[in-house]
Structures are given as C-alpha cells and as structure tokens.
C-alpha cells in the first residue's frame, strides 16, 4: 500500500467518525427533549432526574441511562 492510500483511508475514517459523532449528539438531544416532554405530560410539569425544577439538564449529568 502506498502512503497516499493510507492517508486517504485516514481522511475517510475521520470524516465517518465526525459524521457519527454528530449523529450521536443529535440522538442525545432528541432523548433529552423526549424525556422533558414526558415529564411535562406525565408529571404535571414537574421534572425528574436528569433535570432541575426548571427543566434544565443538571450539570455533569451522564444521560446514558435514566432512573425512573
């Protein structure tokens, strides 16, 4: 393999990684919006973890799981 092919492969991998990172961030935002909407509907506007009483995401929150 030539160096040029390796470089092109690295560039392609970086592009795919950036695209996937963007998609993951969009999915996280969708999850947050869905959870917020569920709280508004099911709990009369009272927010549960991972939100504060105003519906803002708590700082340093890991949103990979949600306690019910």
PDB file of N, CA and C in Angstrom:
ATOM      1  N   UNK A   1       0.840  -1.194   0.000  1.00  0.00           N
ATOM      2  CA  UNK A   1       0.000   0.000   0.000  1.00  0.00           C
ATOM      3  C   UNK A   1       0.875   1.243   0.000  1.00  0.00           C
ATOM      4  N   UNK A   2       0.427   2.190  -0.745  1.00  0.00           N
ATOM      5  CA  UNK A   2       1.193   3.429  -0.786  1.00  0.00           C
ATOM      6  C   UNK A   2       0.771   4.342   0.356  1.00  0.00           C
ATOM      7  N   UNK A   3       1.602   5.284   0.648  1.00  0.00           N
ATOM      8  CA  UNK A   3       1.333   6.267   1.692  1.00  0.00           C
ATOM      9  C   UNK A   3       0.082   7.075   1.340  1.00  0.00           C
ATOM     10  N   UNK A   4      -0.091   7.376   0.069  1.00  0.00           N
ATOM     11  CA  UNK A   4      -1.261   8.165  -0.349  1.00  0.00           C
ATOM     12  C   UNK A   4      -2.562   7.425  -0.050  1.00  0.00           C
ATOM     13  N   UNK A   5      -2.584   6.120  -0.282  1.00  0.00           N
ATOM     14  CA  UNK A   5      -3.786   5.336   0.007  1.00  0.00           C
ATOM     15  C   UNK A   5      -4.066   5.316   1.508  1.00  0.00           C
ATOM     16  N   UNK A   6      -3.015   5.196   2.305  1.00  0.00           N
ATOM     17  CA  UNK A   6      -3.187   5.223   3.751  1.00  0.00           C
ATOM     18  C   UNK A   6      -3.734   6.565   4.224  1.00  0.00           C
ATOM     19  N   UNK A   7      -3.229   7.621   3.663  1.00  0.00           N
ATOM     20  CA  UNK A   7      -3.690   8.959   4.040  1.00  0.00           C
ATOM     21  C   UNK A   7      -5.145   9.142   3.639  1.00  0.00           C
ATOM     22  N   UNK A   8      -5.505   8.705   2.443  1.00  0.00           N
ATOM     23  CA  UNK A   8      -6.910   8.805   2.014  1.00  0.00           C
ATOM     24  C   UNK A   8      -7.818   7.988   2.923  1.00  0.00           C
ATOM     25  N   UNK A   9      -7.351   6.804   3.319  1.00  0.00           N
ATOM     26  CA  UNK A   9      -8.121   5.986   4.236  1.00  0.00           C
ATOM     27  C   UNK A   9      -8.304   6.658   5.587  1.00  0.00           C
ATOM     28  N   UNK A  10      -7.262   7.309   6.078  1.00  0.00           N
ATOM     29  CA  UNK A  10      -7.352   8.034   7.344  1.00  0.00           C
ATOM     30  C   UNK A  10      -8.328   9.199   7.244  1.00  0.00           C
ATOM     31  N   UNK A  11      -8.278   9.894   6.133  1.00  0.00           N
ATOM     32  CA  UNK A  11      -9.192  11.026   5.933  1.00  0.00           C
ATOM     33  C   UNK A  11     -10.631  10.532   5.897  1.00  0.00           C
ATOM     34  N   UNK A  12     -10.877   9.445   5.196  1.00  0.00           N
ATOM     35  CA  UNK A  12     -12.218   8.877   5.109  1.00  0.00           C
ATOM     36  C   UNK A  12     -12.707   8.425   6.485  1.00  0.00           C
ATOM     37  N   UNK A  13     -11.841   7.773   7.252  1.00  0.00           N
ATOM     38  CA  UNK A  13     -12.207   7.352   8.600  1.00  0.00           C
ATOM     39  C   UNK A  13     -12.534   8.553   9.489  1.00  0.00           C
ATOM     40  N   UNK A  14     -11.759   9.605   9.378  1.00  0.00           N
ATOM     41  CA  UNK A  14     -12.014  10.808  10.163  1.00  0.00           C
ATOM     42  C   UNK A  14     -13.347  11.439   9.782  1.00  0.00           C
ATOM     43  N   UNK A  15     -13.646  11.469   8.496  1.00  0.00           N
ATOM     44  CA  UNK A  15     -14.937  12.001   8.047  1.00  0.00           C
ATOM     45  C   UNK A  15     -16.095  11.178   8.608  1.00  0.00           C
ATOM     46  N   UNK A  16     -15.966   9.860   8.561  1.00  0.00           N
ATOM     47  CA  UNK A  16     -17.013   8.981   9.088  1.00  0.00           C
ATOM     48  C   UNK A  16     -17.160   9.136  10.600  1.00  0.00           C
ATOM     49  N   UNK A  17     -16.048   9.267  11.292  1.00  0.00           N
ATOM     50  CA  UNK A  17     -16.080   9.459  12.738  1.00  0.00           C
ATOM     51  C   UNK A  17     -16.764  10.782  13.104  1.00  0.00           C
ATOM     52  N   UNK A  18     -16.456  11.831  12.381  1.00  0.00           N
ATOM     53  CA  UNK A  18     -17.094  13.124  12.630  1.00  0.00           C
ATOM     54  C   UNK A  18     -18.599  13.057  12.363  1.00  0.00           C
ATOM     55  N   UNK A  19     -18.981  12.375  11.304  1.00  0.00           N
ATOM     56  CA  UNK A  19     -20.395  12.223  10.985  1.00  0.00           C
ATOM     57  C   UNK A  19     -21.118  11.437  12.077  1.00  0.00           C
ATOM     58  N   UNK A  20     -20.501  10.366  12.532  1.00  0.00           N
ATOM     59  CA  UNK A  20     -21.110   9.546  13.577  1.00  0.00           C
ATOM     60  C   UNK A  20     -21.192  10.320  14.901  1.00  0.00           C
ATOM     61  N   UNK A  21     -20.194  11.098  15.210  1.00  0.00           N
ATOM     62  CA  UNK A  21     -20.219  11.912  16.427  1.00  0.00           C
ATOM     63  C   UNK A  21     -21.363  12.914  16.389  1.00  0.00           C
ATOM     64  N   UNK A  22     -21.588  13.510  15.237  1.00  0.00           N
ATOM     65  CA  UNK A  22     -22.695  14.457  15.082  1.00  0.00           C
ATOM     66  C   UNK A  22     -24.038  13.745  15.265  1.00  0.00           C
ATOM     67  N   UNK A  23     -24.161  12.552  14.693  1.00  0.00           N
ATOM     68  CA  UNK A  23     -25.399  11.791  14.826  1.00  0.00           C
ATOM     69  C   UNK A  23     -25.657  11.391  16.279  1.00  0.00           C
ATOM     70  N   UNK A  24     -24.613  11.040  16.994  1.00  0.00           N
ATOM     71  CA  UNK A  24     -24.763  10.691  18.410  1.00  0.00           C
ATOM     72  C   UNK A  24     -25.216  11.905  19.205  1.00  0.00           C
ATOM     73  N   UNK A  25     -24.651  13.054  18.933  1.00  0.00           N
ATOM     74  CA  UNK A  25     -25.053  14.280  19.631  1.00  0.00           C
ATOM     75  C   UNK A  25     -26.515  14.622  19.331  1.00  0.00           C
ATOM     76  N   UNK A  26     -26.935  14.454  18.088  1.00  0.00           N
ATOM     77  CA  UNK A  26     -28.334  14.703  17.729  1.00  0.00           C
ATOM     78  C   UNK A  26     -29.266  13.731  18.460  1.00  0.00           C
ATOM     79  N   UNK A  27     -28.852  12.480  18.575  1.00  0.00           N
ATOM     80  CA  UNK A  27     -29.650  11.479  19.289  1.00  0.00           C
ATOM     81  C   UNK A  27     -29.757  11.827  20.773  1.00  0.00           C
ATOM     82  N   UNK A  28     -28.663  12.271  21.367  1.00  0.00           N
ATOM     83  CA  UNK A  28     -28.694  12.682  22.777  1.00  0.00           C
ATOM     84  C   UNK A  28     -29.668  13.835  22.986  1.00  0.00           C
ATOM     85  N   UNK A  29     -29.658  14.802  22.078  1.00  0.00           N
ATOM     86  CA  UNK A  29     -30.572  15.935  22.204  1.00  0.00           C
ATOM     87  C   UNK A  29     -32.024  15.483  22.059  1.00  0.00           C
ATOM     88  N   UNK A  30     -32.265  14.553  21.156  1.00  0.00           N
ATOM     89  CA  UNK A  30     -33.617  14.015  20.980  1.00  0.00           C
ATOM     90  C   UNK A  30     -34.086  13.291  22.239  1.00  0.00           C
ATOM     91  N   UNK A  31     -33.205  12.535  22.865  1.00  0.00           N
ATOM     92  CA  UNK A  31     -33.546  11.843  24.108  1.00  0.00           C
ATOM     93  C   UNK A  31     -33.903  12.844  25.205  1.00  0.00           C
ATOM     94  N   UNK A  32     -33.118  13.884  25.322  1.00  0.00           N
ATOM     95  CA  UNK A  32     -33.376  14.909  26.336  1.00  0.00           C
ATOM     96  C   UNK A  32     -34.722  15.573  26.094  1.00  0.00           C
ATOM     97  N   UNK A  33     -34.995  15.932  24.858  1.00  0.00           N
ATOM     98  CA  UNK A  33     -36.271  16.567  24.527  1.00  0.00           C
ATOM     99  C   UNK A  33     -37.448  15.627  24.805  1.00  0.00           C
ATOM    100  N   UNK A  34     -37.270  14.342  24.505  1.00  0.00           N
ATOM    101  CA  UNK A  34     -38.329  13.361  24.751  1.00  0.00           C
ATOM    102  C   UNK A  34     -38.582  13.207  26.244  1.00  0.00           C
ATOM    103  N   UNK A  35     -37.526  13.097  27.020  1.00  0.00           N
ATOM    104  CA  UNK A  35     -37.680  12.971  28.473  1.00  0.00           C
ATOM    105  C   UNK A  35     -38.371  14.200  29.059  1.00  0.00           C
ATOM    106  N   UNK A  36     -37.964  15.370  28.580  1.00  0.00           N
ATOM    107  CA  UNK A  36     -38.566  16.615  29.074  1.00  0.00           C
ATOM    108  C   UNK A  36     -40.063  16.639  28.743  1.00  0.00           C
ATOM    109  N   UNK A  37     -40.423  16.235  27.533  1.00  0.00           N
ATOM    110  CA  UNK A  37     -41.832  16.219  27.128  1.00  0.00           C
ATOM    111  C   UNK A  37     -42.616  15.195  27.950  1.00  0.00           C
ATOM    112  N   UNK A  38     -42.024  14.040  28.220  1.00  0.00           N
ATOM    113  CA  UNK A  38     -42.687  13.031  29.052  1.00  0.00           C
ATOM    114  C   UNK A  38     -42.974  13.577  30.444  1.00  0.00           C
ATOM    115  N   UNK A  39     -41.999  14.261  31.019  1.00  0.00           N
ATOM    116  CA  UNK A  39     -42.201  14.835  32.348  1.00  0.00           C
ATOM    117  C   UNK A  39     -43.306  15.878  32.340  1.00  0.00           C
ATOM    118  N   UNK A  40     -43.340  16.693  31.317  1.00  0.00           N
ATOM    119  CA  UNK A  40     -44.383  17.718  31.231  1.00  0.00           C
ATOM    120  C   UNK A  40     -45.762  17.067  31.167  1.00  0.00           C
ATOM    121  N   UNK A  41     -45.867  15.981  30.422  1.00  0.00           N
ATOM    122  CA  UNK A  41     -47.157  15.322  30.226  1.00  0.00           C
ATOM    123  C   UNK A  41     -47.551  14.437  31.415  1.00  0.00           C
ATOM    124  N   UNK A  42     -46.623  13.650  31.914  1.00  0.00           N
ATOM    125  CA  UNK A  42     -46.949  12.639  32.916  1.00  0.00           C
ATOM    126  C   UNK A  42     -46.890  13.141  34.352  1.00  0.00           C
ATOM    127  N   UNK A  43     -46.129  14.189  34.596  1.00  0.00           N
ATOM    128  CA  UNK A  43     -45.904  14.637  35.975  1.00  0.00           C
ATOM    129  C   UNK A  43     -46.380  16.063  36.203  1.00  0.00           C
ATOM    130  N   UNK A  44     -47.317  16.505  35.401  1.00  0.00           N
ATOM    131  CA  UNK A  44     -47.881  17.850  35.553  1.00  0.00           C
ATOM    132  C   UNK A  44     -46.812  18.942  35.566  1.00  0.00           C
ATOM    133  N   UNK A  45     -45.815  18.779  34.722  1.00  0.00           N
ATOM    134  CA  UNK A  45     -44.779  19.793  34.588  1.00  0.00           C
ATOM    135  C   UNK A  45     -43.676  19.716  35.623  1.00  0.00           C
ATOM    136  N   UNK A  46     -43.705  18.724  36.491  1.00  0.00           N
ATOM    137  CA  UNK A  46     -42.630  18.530  37.466  1.00  0.00           C
ATOM    138  C   UNK A  46     -41.583  17.625  36.832  1.00  0.00           C
ATOM    139  N   UNK A  47     -40.364  18.100  36.868  1.00  0.00           N
ATOM    140  CA  UNK A  47     -39.286  17.388  36.183  1.00  0.00           C
ATOM    141  C   UNK A  47     -38.577  16.412  37.113  1.00  0.00           C
ATOM    142  N   UNK A  48     -38.189  15.282  36.538  1.00  0.00           N
ATOM    143  CA  UNK A  48     -37.413  14.270  37.252  1.00  0.00           C
ATOM    144  C   UNK A  48     -35.959  14.367  36.809  1.00  0.00           C
ATOM    145  N   UNK A  49     -35.113  13.565  37.475  1.00  0.00           N
ATOM    146  CA  UNK A  49     -33.727  13.456  37.048  1.00  0.00           C
ATOM    147  C   UNK A  49     -33.696  13.057  35.574  1.00  0.00           C
ATOM    148  N   UNK A  50     -32.901  13.641  34.748  1.00  0.00           N
ATOM    149  CA  UNK A  50     -31.708  14.458  34.958  1.00  0.00           C
ATOM    150  C   UNK A  50     -31.948  15.960  34.841  1.00  0.00           C
ATOM    151  N   UNK A  51     -33.136  16.437  35.176  1.00  0.00           N
ATOM    152  CA  UNK A  51     -33.471  17.856  35.041  1.00  0.00           C
ATOM    153  C   UNK A  51     -33.613  18.510  36.400  1.00  0.00           C
ATOM    154  N   UNK A  52     -33.387  19.831  36.426  1.00  0.00           N
ATOM    155  CA  UNK A  52     -33.694  20.590  37.632  1.00  0.00           C
ATOM    156  C   UNK A  52     -35.167  20.975  37.608  1.00  0.00           C
ATOM    157  N   UNK A  53     -35.613  21.750  38.597  1.00  0.00           N
ATOM    158  CA  UNK A  53     -37.033  22.092  38.702  1.00  0.00           C
ATOM    159  C   UNK A  53     -37.531  22.961  37.545  1.00  0.00           C
ATOM    160  N   UNK A  54     -36.608  23.579  36.796  1.00  0.00           N
ATOM    161  CA  UNK A  54     -36.986  24.412  35.654  1.00  0.00           C
ATOM    162  C   UNK A  54     -36.913  23.682  34.321  1.00  0.00           C
ATOM    163  N   UNK A  55     -36.550  22.406  34.352  1.00  0.00           N
ATOM    164  CA  UNK A  55     -36.462  21.630  33.122  1.00  0.00           C
ATOM    165  C   UNK A  55     -35.122  21.715  32.428  1.00  0.00           C
ATOM    166  N   UNK A  56     -34.122  22.283  33.101  1.00  0.00           N
ATOM    167  CA  UNK A  56     -32.777  22.364  32.536  1.00  0.00           C
ATOM    168  C   UNK A  56     -31.990  21.130  32.928  1.00  0.00           C
ATOM    169  N   UNK A  57     -31.169  20.655  32.028  1.00  0.00           N
ATOM    170  CA  UNK A  57     -30.339  19.493  32.303  1.00  0.00           C
ATOM    171  C   UNK A  57     -29.357  19.841  33.412  1.00  0.00           C
ATOM    172  N   UNK A  58     -29.276  18.977  34.424  1.00  0.00           N
ATOM    173  CA  UNK A  58     -28.353  19.216  35.529  1.00  0.00           C
ATOM    174  C   UNK A  58     -26.907  19.148  35.025  1.00  0.00           C
ATOM    175  N   UNK A  59     -26.018  19.954  35.627  1.00  0.00           N
ATOM    176  CA  UNK A  59     -24.615  19.926  35.196  1.00  0.00           C
ATOM    177  C   UNK A  59     -23.980  18.577  35.521  1.00  0.00           C
ATOM    178  N   UNK A  60     -22.989  18.218  34.729  1.00  0.00           N
ATOM    179  CA  UNK A  60     -22.247  16.969  34.929  1.00  0.00           C
ATOM    180  C   UNK A  60     -23.157  15.745  34.946  1.00  0.00           C
ATOM    181  N   UNK A  61     -24.191  15.756  34.119  1.00  0.00           N
ATOM    182  CA  UNK A  61     -25.139  14.655  34.065  1.00  0.00           C
ATOM    183  C   UNK A  61     -24.738  13.663  32.985  1.00  0.00           C
ATOM    184  N   UNK A  62     -24.735  12.394  33.348  1.00  0.00           N
ATOM    185  CA  UNK A  62     -24.487  11.324  32.402  1.00  0.00           C
ATOM    186  C   UNK A  62     -25.850  10.841  31.926  1.00  0.00           C
ATOM    187  N   UNK A  63     -26.172  11.049  30.662  1.00  0.00           N
ATOM    188  CA  UNK A  63     -27.504  10.714  30.163  1.00  0.00           C
ATOM    189  C   UNK A  63     -27.551   9.355  29.475  1.00  0.00           C
ATOM    190  N   UNK A  64     -26.590   8.489  29.774  1.00  0.00           N
ATOM    191  CA  UNK A  64     -26.611   7.170  29.146  1.00  0.00           C
ATOM    192  C   UNK A  64     -27.704   6.291  29.739  1.00  0.00           C
ATOM    193  N   UNK A  65     -28.239   6.672  30.865  1.00  0.00           N
ATOM    194  CA  UNK A  65     -29.330   5.930  31.467  1.00  0.00           C
ATOM    195  C   UNK A  65     -30.179   6.871  32.299  1.00  0.00           C
ATOM    196  N   UNK A  66     -31.417   6.520  32.504  1.00  0.00           N
ATOM    197  CA  UNK A  66     -32.306   7.360  33.284  1.00  0.00           C
ATOM    198  C   UNK A  66     -32.996   6.516  34.330  1.00  0.00           C
ATOM    199  N   UNK A  67     -32.974   7.000  35.541  1.00  0.00           N
ATOM    200  CA  UNK A  67     -33.670   6.319  36.619  1.00  0.00           C
ATOM    201  C   UNK A  67     -35.123   6.696  36.569  1.00  0.00           C
ATOM    202  N   UNK A  68     -36.013   5.748  36.688  1.00  0.00           N
ATOM    203  CA  UNK A  68     -37.446   6.031  36.692  1.00  0.00           C
ATOM    204  C   UNK A  68     -37.991   5.955  38.093  1.00  0.00           C
TER     205      UNK A  68
END
